[in-house]
Amino acid sequence: MERSSGMQNNGGCFSRGCGWIKSLPERSKAKIVECARKIKKLGQDDPRRVNHSVKVGLAITLVSLFYYFEPLYDGFGDSAMWAVMTVVVVFEFSVGATLGRGLNRGLATFLAGALGFGAHRLATLSGEKGEPMLLGLFVFLLATTVTFVRFFPRMKARYDYGLLIFILTFCLISVSGYRDDEVLDMAHKRVSTILIGGLTAVLVCICICPVWAGDDLHNLAATNIEKLGIFLEHFGVEFFRKPGEGESINKASLQGYKSVLNSKNMEESLVNFARWEPGHGQFKFRHPWKHYLKFGSLTRQCAYRVEALNGYLNSDIKTPPEIQGMIQDSCTKMSSELGKALKELALAIKRMTPPSSASSHLVKSKNAAKNLKFLLYSDLCSGINLLEVVPAVTVTSLLFEVISCTEKIAEAIHELASLAQFENVEQERPKLPEQGEMQQGANMDVHHHVVTIDQPPPVKPQNGSLSSSTTS
């Protein structure tokens, strides 16, 4: 009995093994097709990735010629490998990142090489016994000091890589010089090959299909604002939509604002890289890149309010129809005008023109907000369950905050336009609403009350004649 069961188990394992072997070609083909599909999608999402890969391969091939050609190898020897290593660690996706790493590495290598040679020469003067002690003291002091400097936020943001290379190069030159008498020749070769490798990486990155971090930062700022505008432009309609009505817009498209909430790290990195880049395209040499952090922060503050508004789209607590009918027009108009204003601001950034066209939409949204405030301050909601009114009141309060955020974003963008000297900045300043416009927009659909003021009776003087209270 046990023998027969063992034979059945062996037969089952054999059958499964045969089935696995037979299905292996199909499964391998499916995995290859899936991998090819992912590779194609990765390249289609951003074709610059393909260009970057080709540029890295080209730069490494160029610097590897130091090993392939005998005259070049005789001049640098094994130090030629430092050129290849430099291209690998320096070449980044954008021009700003490559320039930042290249300049950090080149300057740090040059300074550390000079200091390392000077420390070696100074240590040799102290005699055979004092040389290792003095070299150890130099290494300790420099490594400790530079490591502490790396903790400063400004140094950490822009020069951290250079400080790290500075410590490494100084230690390599000064310590290895204790066993090698030709320390000057070694330092010269290493510095030269590192500079050649860094220069090769920078030239290839700039001259062949350059990717500018400044362009990416500029487009990211405009795209983030546009995403908020898309949500707000359709929020009012979606919030007051009745259950039986069809959808006017794909709700998935309204969720694009979520990427704005996590854009801080990317913005800071792009600002750091863009500050290394020279003037290019419409961006001048001293373009105010740091100012993008200001309205980037304001955009995220607005996105947090939008996130709160999104939570009320599918709320279980429904607003009473009578209250909903009172505030629907004002809320919908306010949300729509805010969305249009934000989209105009995004378009102004893309075109690098002053954001004056958004002011009219802001005025309309403010007028709608005044109408809504009047309704909320009135006694129209008396006798209504407060729990049923909470969503509508909260949504209107959040929309009021979004108006304030949008105004701040518009001011920050106009300040950027002034600093970056966008076209017609002085002539295209946003116009503040005139008093007549404010009064015209503030006309509310409410009952008008006429107040009659009676004039005081005429004063009768003692002589019996009537006269007015004032003398002519």
Protein backbone atom coordinates (compact mmCIF):
# COMPACT_ATOMS: atom_id res chain seq x y z
CA MET A 1 0.00 0.00 0.00
CA GLU A 2 2.79 2.38 0.92
CA ARG A 3 4.68 1.35 -2.16
CA SER A 4 1.75 2.11 -4.44
CA SER A 5 1.21 5.52 -2.83
CA GLY A 6 4.89 6.31 -3.28
CA MET A 7 4.68 5.39 -6.94
CA GLN A 8 1.66 7.68 -7.35
CA ASN A 9 3.53 10.57 -5.72
CA ASN A 10 6.51 9.99 -7.98
CA GLY A 11 4.22 9.86 -10.96
CA GLY A 12 2.53 13.12 -9.93
CA CYS A 13 5.86 14.89 -9.47
CA PHE A 14 7.05 13.59 -12.82
CA SER A 15 3.88 14.82 -14.50
CA ARG A 16 4.18 18.25 -12.94
CA GLY A 17 7.82 18.42 -13.95
CA CYS A 18 6.98 17.51 -17.53
CA GLY A 19 4.19 20.09 -17.56
CA TRP A 20 6.52 22.77 -16.23
CA ILE A 21 9.12 21.96 -18.90
CA LYS A 22 6.51 22.03 -21.67
CA SER A 23 5.15 25.39 -20.52
CA LEU A 24 8.63 26.89 -20.14
CA PRO A 25 8.88 28.24 -23.73
CA GLU A 26 5.46 29.91 -23.51
CA ARG A 27 6.20 31.45 -20.11
CA SER A 28 9.61 32.65 -21.28
CA LYS A 29 8.05 34.17 -24.37
CA ALA A 30 5.42 35.92 -22.24
CA LYS A 31 8.08 37.35 -19.93
CA ILE A 32 10.16 38.56 -22.87
CA VAL A 33 7.12 40.26 -24.40
CA GLU A 34 6.22 41.84 -21.07
CA CYS A 35 9.79 43.08 -20.58
CA ALA A 36 9.87 44.52 -24.11
CA ARG A 37 6.53 46.25 -23.48
CA LYS A 38 7.88 47.86 -20.29
CA ILE A 39 11.05 48.98 -22.08
CA LYS A 40 9.00 50.51 -24.89
CA LYS A 41 6.72 52.29 -22.45
CA LEU A 42 9.70 53.64 -20.49
CA GLY A 43 11.17 55.11 -23.65
CA GLN A 44 7.86 56.51 -24.87
CA ASP A 45 7.08 58.20 -21.56
CA ASP A 46 10.26 60.28 -21.85
CA PRO A 47 12.38 59.84 -25.02
CA ARG A 48 15.14 61.84 -23.34
CA ARG A 49 16.01 58.72 -21.35
CA VAL A 50 17.15 57.01 -24.53
CA ASN A 51 19.24 60.04 -25.49
CA HIS A 52 20.81 60.15 -22.04
CA SER A 53 21.80 56.48 -22.19
CA VAL A 54 23.42 56.98 -25.59
CA LYS A 55 25.28 60.08 -24.38
CA VAL A 56 26.69 58.26 -21.34
CA GLY A 57 27.90 55.42 -23.54
CA LEU A 58 29.52 57.90 -25.94
CA ALA A 59 31.31 59.82 -23.18
CA ILE A 60 32.71 56.65 -21.59
CA THR A 61 33.87 55.42 -24.99
CA LEU A 62 35.70 58.68 -25.65
CA VAL A 63 37.61 58.71 -22.36
CA SER A 64 38.44 55.01 -22.68
CA LEU A 65 40.65 55.95 -25.64
CA PHE A 66 43.32 56.78 -23.05
CA TYR A 67 43.70 53.04 -22.57
CA TYR A 68 43.32 52.00 -26.21
CA PHE A 69 45.96 54.30 -27.73
CA GLU A 70 49.52 53.76 -26.70
CA PRO A 71 50.66 57.43 -26.82
CA LEU A 72 47.85 58.49 -24.51
CA TYR A 73 48.43 55.60 -22.14
CA ASP A 74 52.15 56.37 -21.94
CA GLY A 75 51.33 59.92 -20.88
CA PHE A 76 48.93 59.02 -18.05
CA GLY A 77 49.49 55.34 -17.28
CA ASP A 78 47.05 53.62 -14.94
CA SER A 79 45.72 57.03 -13.87
CA ALA A 80 43.77 57.06 -17.15
CA MET A 81 41.16 54.93 -15.40
CA TRP A 82 40.26 57.98 -13.26
CA ALA A 83 38.86 59.62 -16.40
CA VAL A 84 36.46 56.71 -16.93
CA MET A 85 35.45 56.72 -13.26
CA THR A 86 34.84 60.47 -13.39
CA VAL A 87 32.46 60.19 -16.35
CA VAL A 88 30.52 57.42 -14.61
CA VAL A 89 29.98 59.39 -11.39
CA VAL A 90 29.65 62.88 -12.92
CA PHE A 91 27.33 62.32 -15.90
CA GLU A 92 23.76 63.07 -14.77
CA PHE A 93 20.44 63.36 -16.58
CA SER A 94 20.29 67.17 -16.73
CA VAL A 95 22.90 69.76 -17.65
CA GLY A 96 22.63 71.44 -14.25
CA ALA A 97 23.22 68.21 -12.33
CA THR A 98 26.20 67.31 -14.55
CA LEU A 99 27.70 70.79 -14.25
CA GLY A 100 27.22 70.77 -10.49
CA ARG A 101 28.92 67.41 -10.04
CA GLY A 102 31.63 68.20 -12.60
CA LEU A 103 32.56 71.54 -11.06
CA ASN A 104 32.42 70.09 -7.57
CA ARG A 105 34.69 67.21 -8.50
CA GLY A 106 37.11 69.30 -10.57
CA LEU A 107 37.53 72.09 -8.04
CA ALA A 108 37.72 69.71 -5.09
CA THR A 109 40.28 67.52 -6.82
CA PHE A 110 42.47 70.50 -7.74
CA LEU A 111 42.41 72.04 -4.25
CA ALA A 112 42.79 68.74 -2.43
CA GLY A 113 45.65 67.71 -4.72
CA ALA A 114 47.51 70.95 -4.03
CA LEU A 115 46.93 70.68 -0.28
CA GLY A 116 47.87 67.00 -0.29
CA PHE A 117 51.17 67.71 -2.01
CA GLY A 118 51.85 70.61 0.35
CA ALA A 119 51.08 68.44 3.39
CA HIS A 120 53.43 65.76 2.07
CA ARG A 121 56.27 68.24 1.51
CA LEU A 122 55.74 69.78 4.94
CA ALA A 123 55.69 66.39 6.63
CA THR A 124 58.97 65.34 5.02
CA LEU A 125 60.69 68.28 6.71
CA SER A 126 59.93 66.83 10.15
CA GLY A 127 62.20 63.82 9.66
CA GLU A 128 61.63 60.13 9.20
CA LYS A 129 59.94 59.63 12.60
CA GLY A 130 57.83 62.77 12.60
CA GLU A 131 56.53 62.41 9.03
CA PRO A 132 53.79 59.79 9.70
CA MET A 133 52.67 61.59 12.85
CA LEU A 134 52.38 64.92 11.06
CA LEU A 135 50.59 63.35 8.08
CA GLY A 136 48.14 61.67 10.45
CA LEU A 137 47.50 64.99 12.19
CA PHE A 138 46.84 66.73 8.85
CA VAL A 139 44.43 64.01 7.74
CA PHE A 140 42.60 64.11 11.08
CA LEU A 141 42.20 67.90 11.12
CA LEU A 142 41.11 68.22 7.50
CA ALA A 143 38.72 65.25 7.54
CA THR A 144 37.13 66.44 10.79
CA THR A 145 36.73 70.04 9.63
CA VAL A 146 35.36 69.26 6.18
CA THR A 147 32.97 66.63 7.54
CA PHE A 148 31.56 69.18 9.99
CA VAL A 149 31.19 71.76 7.20
CA ARG A 150 29.03 69.25 5.31
CA PHE A 151 26.32 69.66 7.97
CA PHE A 152 25.64 73.28 6.99
CA PRO A 153 22.39 73.29 4.95
CA ARG A 154 23.77 75.52 2.20
CA MET A 155 26.92 73.45 1.81
CA LYS A 156 24.92 70.22 1.99
CA ALA A 157 22.60 71.33 -0.80
CA ARG A 158 25.18 72.49 -3.35
CA TYR A 159 28.68 71.32 -2.38
CA ASP A 160 28.25 68.05 -0.51
CA TYR A 161 29.69 65.94 -3.33
CA GLY A 162 32.65 68.29 -3.74
CA LEU A 163 33.45 68.19 -0.03
CA LEU A 164 33.36 64.40 -0.09
CA ILE A 165 35.73 64.28 -3.07
CA PHE A 166 37.96 66.83 -1.32
CA ILE A 167 38.44 64.50 1.66
CA LEU A 168 39.02 61.48 -0.58
CA THR A 169 41.57 63.17 -2.84
CA PHE A 170 43.50 64.75 0.02
CA CYS A 171 43.80 61.41 1.82
CA LEU A 172 44.84 59.57 -1.35
CA ILE A 173 47.55 62.10 -2.20
CA SER A 174 48.94 62.71 1.28
CA VAL A 175 48.77 59.14 2.59
CA SER A 176 49.94 57.37 -0.57
CA GLY A 177 52.77 59.90 -0.87
CA TYR A 178 54.32 58.43 2.27
CA ARG A 179 55.27 55.26 0.33
CA ASP A 180 55.66 56.85 -3.09
CA ASP A 181 58.33 59.46 -3.68
CA GLU A 182 56.84 60.64 -6.97
CA VAL A 183 53.84 62.21 -5.27
CA LEU A 184 53.86 65.30 -7.49
CA ASP A 185 53.69 63.25 -10.70
CA MET A 186 50.93 61.08 -9.22
CA ALA A 187 48.89 64.12 -8.16
CA HIS A 188 49.37 65.72 -11.57
CA LYS A 189 48.18 62.64 -13.45
CA ARG A 190 45.13 62.11 -11.25
CA VAL A 191 44.06 65.73 -11.37
CA SER A 192 44.56 65.88 -15.13
CA THR A 193 42.59 62.73 -15.89
CA ILE A 194 39.77 63.73 -13.55
CA LEU A 195 39.53 67.14 -15.18
CA ILE A 196 39.56 65.56 -18.66
CA GLY A 197 36.83 63.10 -17.70
CA GLY A 198 34.68 65.83 -16.14
CA LEU A 199 35.13 68.13 -19.13
CA THR A 200 34.20 65.33 -21.53
CA ALA A 201 31.02 64.57 -19.59
CA VAL A 202 30.01 68.25 -19.49
CA LEU A 203 30.64 68.83 -23.20
CA VAL A 204 28.72 65.75 -24.29
CA CYS A 205 25.85 66.62 -21.92
CA ILE A 206 25.56 70.20 -23.23
CA CYS A 207 26.30 69.74 -26.92
CA ILE A 208 24.20 66.65 -27.64
CA CYS A 209 20.45 66.87 -26.96
CA PRO A 210 20.83 68.84 -23.69
CA VAL A 211 18.28 68.37 -20.91
CA TRP A 212 17.93 71.60 -18.91
CA ALA A 213 16.81 71.35 -15.30
CA GLY A 214 15.53 74.92 -15.55
CA ASP A 215 13.08 73.95 -18.29
CA ASP A 216 11.85 71.01 -16.23
CA LEU A 217 11.39 73.24 -13.18
CA HIS A 218 9.52 75.87 -15.19
CA ASN A 219 7.21 73.30 -16.76
CA LEU A 220 6.65 71.54 -13.42
CA ALA A 221 5.53 74.79 -11.78
CA ALA A 222 3.08 75.52 -14.61
CA THR A 223 1.76 71.95 -14.69
CA ASN A 224 1.12 71.87 -10.94
CA ILE A 225 -0.96 75.05 -11.08
CA GLU A 226 -2.83 73.79 -14.13
CA LYS A 227 -3.78 70.57 -12.32
CA LEU A 228 -5.34 72.56 -9.50
CA GLY A 229 -7.23 74.64 -12.04
CA ILE A 230 -8.64 71.55 -13.76
CA PHE A 231 -10.01 70.23 -10.47
CA LEU A 232 -11.56 73.52 -9.34
CA GLU A 233 -13.09 74.27 -12.73
CA HIS A 234 -15.24 71.13 -12.49
CA PHE A 235 -15.59 70.79 -8.72
CA GLY A 236 -18.77 72.86 -8.38
CA VAL A 237 -20.62 70.84 -11.01
CA GLU A 238 -19.49 67.53 -9.51
CA PHE A 239 -20.33 68.53 -5.93
CA PHE A 240 -23.92 69.57 -6.72
CA ARG A 241 -24.53 66.76 -9.20
CA LYS A 242 -27.68 64.77 -8.47
CA PRO A 243 -27.43 60.96 -8.25
CA GLY A 244 -29.37 60.33 -11.46
CA GLU A 245 -27.37 62.70 -13.65
CA GLY A 246 -24.56 61.48 -15.88
CA GLU A 247 -20.92 62.45 -15.54
CA SER A 248 -19.68 65.45 -17.51
CA ILE A 249 -16.01 64.66 -16.97
CA ASN A 250 -13.94 61.63 -16.13
CA LYS A 251 -13.38 61.80 -12.37
CA ALA A 252 -9.98 60.16 -12.75
CA SER A 253 -8.78 63.30 -14.52
CA LEU A 254 -9.64 65.32 -11.40
CA GLN A 255 -7.09 63.43 -9.32
CA GLY A 256 -4.06 64.93 -11.05
CA TYR A 257 -3.64 67.44 -8.22
CA LYS A 258 -2.39 64.66 -5.91
CA SER A 259 1.06 64.79 -7.50
CA VAL A 260 1.33 68.43 -6.40
CA LEU A 261 1.25 67.40 -2.73
CA ASN A 262 4.55 65.48 -3.07
CA SER A 263 6.43 67.83 -5.41
CA LYS A 264 8.56 69.61 -2.79
CA ASN A 265 11.65 67.38 -3.04
CA MET A 266 11.61 67.45 -6.83
CA GLU A 267 11.29 71.25 -6.88
CA GLU A 268 14.20 71.71 -4.48
CA SER A 269 16.41 69.36 -6.51
CA LEU A 270 15.55 71.07 -9.79
CA VAL A 271 16.19 74.52 -8.29
CA ASN A 272 19.60 73.36 -7.06
CA PHE A 273 20.49 71.95 -10.49
CA ALA A 274 19.09 74.94 -12.42
CA ARG A 275 21.29 77.36 -10.46
CA TRP A 276 24.37 75.67 -11.96
CA GLU A 277 23.19 76.09 -15.54
CA PRO A 278 24.23 78.94 -17.84
CA GLY A 279 21.70 81.11 -19.61
CA HIS A 280 19.74 79.18 -22.24
CA GLY A 281 16.65 79.81 -24.33
CA GLN A 282 14.41 82.39 -22.67
CA PHE A 283 16.19 82.03 -19.33
CA LYS A 284 18.92 84.55 -18.70
CA PHE A 285 22.12 83.94 -16.76
CA ARG A 286 20.80 85.15 -13.39
CA HIS A 287 17.26 83.85 -13.68
CA PRO A 288 15.55 83.91 -10.24
CA TRP A 289 15.33 80.14 -9.83
CA LYS A 290 14.95 80.31 -6.05
CA HIS A 291 11.72 82.26 -6.49
CA TYR A 292 10.09 79.10 -7.88
CA LEU A 293 10.25 77.65 -4.37
CA LYS A 294 8.04 80.50 -3.14
CA PHE A 295 5.03 79.99 -5.38
CA GLY A 296 5.71 76.25 -5.35
CA SER A 297 5.03 76.33 -1.62
CA LEU A 298 1.91 78.44 -2.21
CA THR A 299 0.74 75.94 -4.82
CA ARG A 300 1.05 73.09 -2.33
CA GLN A 301 -0.89 75.07 0.27
CA CYS A 302 -3.67 75.44 -2.28
CA ALA A 303 -3.41 71.73 -3.10
CA TYR A 304 -4.05 70.85 0.56
CA ARG A 305 -7.34 72.79 0.40
CA VAL A 306 -8.17 71.02 -2.85
CA GLU A 307 -7.49 67.68 -1.17
CA ALA A 308 -9.99 68.61 1.54
CA LEU A 309 -12.55 69.61 -1.11
CA ASN A 310 -12.08 66.29 -2.88
CA GLY A 311 -13.15 64.49 0.30
CA TYR A 312 -16.64 66.04 0.02
CA LEU A 313 -17.33 64.83 -3.53
CA ASN A 314 -18.46 61.43 -2.25
CA SER A 315 -19.70 62.46 1.18
CA ASP A 316 -22.52 60.39 2.70
CA ILE A 317 -24.10 63.47 4.30
CA LYS A 318 -26.21 65.21 1.68
CA THR A 319 -27.13 68.88 1.77
CA PRO A 320 -30.88 69.63 1.95
CA PRO A 321 -32.27 70.53 -1.47
CA GLU A 322 -33.47 73.96 -0.34
CA ILE A 323 -30.02 74.92 0.97
CA GLN A 324 -28.35 73.35 -2.03
CA GLY A 325 -30.47 75.40 -4.39
CA MET A 326 -29.58 78.62 -2.56
CA ILE A 327 -25.80 78.21 -2.71
CA GLN A 328 -25.34 76.14 -5.87
CA ASP A 329 -25.02 79.01 -8.33
CA SER A 330 -22.57 81.00 -6.20
CA CYS A 331 -20.45 77.97 -5.28
CA THR A 332 -20.34 76.68 -8.85
CA LYS A 333 -19.42 80.10 -10.25
CA MET A 334 -16.77 80.67 -7.59
CA SER A 335 -15.18 77.27 -8.19
CA SER A 336 -15.31 77.65 -11.98
CA GLU A 337 -13.77 81.12 -11.96
CA LEU A 338 -11.01 79.97 -9.59
CA GLY A 339 -10.21 77.11 -11.94
CA LYS A 340 -10.06 79.46 -14.92
CA ALA A 341 -7.84 81.88 -13.00
CA LEU A 342 -5.39 79.13 -12.07
CA LYS A 343 -5.29 77.85 -15.64
CA GLU A 344 -4.58 81.40 -16.86
CA LEU A 345 -1.75 81.65 -14.33
CA ALA A 346 -0.30 78.36 -15.56
CA LEU A 347 -0.54 79.56 -19.16
CA ALA A 348 1.22 82.80 -18.22
CA ILE A 349 4.12 80.81 -16.77
CA LYS A 350 4.39 78.62 -19.86
CA ARG A 351 4.36 81.62 -22.20
CA MET A 352 6.54 83.68 -19.83
CA THR A 353 4.10 86.59 -19.89
CA PRO A 354 2.61 88.58 -16.97
CA PRO A 355 -0.47 86.96 -15.37
CA SER A 356 -2.77 89.93 -15.93
CA SER A 357 -5.46 87.89 -17.71
CA ALA A 358 -6.28 86.00 -14.48
CA SER A 359 -7.40 89.14 -12.63
CA SER A 360 -10.87 89.23 -14.23
CA HIS A 361 -11.58 85.66 -13.12
CA LEU A 362 -10.41 86.48 -9.60
CA VAL A 363 -12.79 89.47 -9.48
CA LYS A 364 -15.71 87.27 -10.56
CA SER A 365 -14.86 84.64 -7.96
CA LYS A 366 -14.69 87.32 -5.24
CA ASN A 367 -18.07 88.68 -6.27
CA ALA A 368 -19.56 85.18 -6.11
CA ALA A 369 -17.96 84.76 -2.68
CA LYS A 370 -19.65 87.97 -1.49
CA ASN A 371 -23.02 86.67 -2.62
CA LEU A 372 -22.36 83.41 -0.82
CA LYS A 373 -21.27 85.13 2.38
CA PHE A 374 -24.49 87.12 2.43
CA LEU A 375 -26.54 83.94 2.19
CA LEU A 376 -24.55 82.29 4.97
CA TYR A 377 -24.89 85.30 7.26
CA SER A 378 -28.66 85.49 6.72
CA ASP A 379 -31.25 83.45 8.59
CA LEU A 380 -32.11 81.33 5.57
CA CYS A 381 -30.75 78.22 7.26
CA SER A 382 -32.97 78.46 10.33
CA GLY A 383 -34.81 75.28 11.18
CA ILE A 384 -32.33 73.10 9.26
CA ASN A 385 -30.41 70.24 10.84
CA LEU A 386 -26.87 71.58 11.32
CA LEU A 387 -25.29 68.20 10.52
CA GLU A 388 -26.85 68.37 7.08
CA VAL A 389 -25.53 71.86 6.47
CA VAL A 390 -21.94 71.12 7.58
CA PRO A 391 -20.67 69.83 4.19
CA ALA A 392 -21.97 72.86 2.29
CA VAL A 393 -20.62 75.33 4.86
CA THR A 394 -17.24 73.57 4.97
CA VAL A 395 -16.96 73.53 1.19
CA THR A 396 -17.72 77.24 0.96
CA SER A 397 -15.19 77.99 3.69
CA LEU A 398 -12.52 75.99 1.82
CA LEU A 399 -13.35 77.83 -1.40
CA PHE A 400 -12.85 81.14 0.42
CA GLU A 401 -9.39 79.93 1.47
CA VAL A 402 -8.62 78.85 -2.10
CA ILE A 403 -9.40 82.40 -3.27
CA SER A 404 -6.82 83.73 -0.83
CA CYS A 405 -4.27 81.15 -1.97
CA THR A 406 -4.90 81.95 -5.62
CA GLU A 407 -4.34 85.66 -4.99
CA LYS A 408 -1.01 84.89 -3.32
CA ILE A 409 0.02 82.65 -6.21
CA ALA A 410 -0.84 85.41 -8.69
CA GLU A 411 1.23 87.92 -6.71
CA ALA A 412 4.19 85.52 -6.56
CA ILE A 413 4.01 84.85 -10.30
CA HIS A 414 3.86 88.55 -11.08
CA GLU A 415 6.88 89.09 -8.85
CA LEU A 416 8.67 86.36 -10.82
CA ALA A 417 7.65 88.05 -14.07
CA SER A 418 9.15 91.30 -12.81
CA LEU A 419 12.41 89.68 -11.61
CA ALA A 420 12.81 87.60 -14.78
CA GLN A 421 11.76 90.52 -16.99
CA PHE A 422 8.92 88.79 -18.80
CA GLU A 423 7.46 90.56 -21.81
CA ASN A 424 5.60 93.84 -21.09
CA VAL A 425 5.73 93.43 -17.34
CA GLU A 426 5.20 97.09 -16.54
CA GLN A 427 2.48 97.59 -19.12
CA GLU A 428 0.63 94.38 -18.20
CA ARG A 429 0.36 94.68 -14.44
CA PRO A 430 -2.84 93.10 -13.12
CA LYS A 431 -5.58 95.70 -12.86
CA LEU A 432 -7.27 96.01 -9.53
CA PRO A 433 -11.07 96.03 -9.75
CA GLU A 434 -12.56 99.47 -9.97
CA GLN A 435 -15.11 100.60 -7.43
CA GLY A 436 -17.86 100.46 -10.03
CA GLU A 437 -16.94 96.91 -11.00
CA MET A 438 -17.00 95.79 -7.40
CA GLN A 439 -20.41 97.37 -6.87
CA GLN A 440 -21.74 95.93 -10.09
CA GLY A 441 -20.48 92.46 -9.26
CA ALA A 442 -21.73 92.68 -5.71
CA ASN A 443 -25.36 93.09 -6.79
CA MET A 444 -27.17 90.25 -5.06
CA ASP A 445 -30.46 88.66 -5.79
CA VAL A 446 -32.08 89.75 -2.55
CA HIS A 447 -34.98 91.96 -1.49
CA HIS A 448 -34.31 95.69 -1.61
CA HIS A 449 -35.43 97.85 1.30
CA VAL A 450 -36.21 101.57 0.96
CA VAL A 451 -35.50 103.72 3.98
CA THR A 452 -37.25 107.13 4.14
CA ILE A 453 -35.70 109.81 6.28
CA ASP A 454 -38.13 112.55 7.32
CA GLN A 455 -36.79 116.06 7.45
CA PRO A 456 -37.13 117.95 10.73
CA PRO A 457 -40.05 120.42 10.91
CA PRO A 458 -39.26 124.03 10.08
CA VAL A 459 -38.42 126.30 12.93
CA LYS A 460 -40.91 129.09 13.58
CA PRO A 461 -39.19 132.26 14.78
CA GLN A 462 -40.71 134.63 17.21
CA ASN A 463 -41.66 137.12 14.49
CA GLY A 464 -44.08 134.51 13.08
CA SER A 465 -42.33 133.92 9.69
CA LEU A 466 -41.15 130.48 8.59
CA SER A 467 -37.49 129.91 7.87
CA SER A 468 -35.21 126.93 7.39
CA SER A 469 -32.85 125.77 10.04
CA THR A 470 -29.95 127.20 8.09
CA THR A 471 -29.43 130.78 7.14
CA SER A 472 -28.35 131.73 3.71
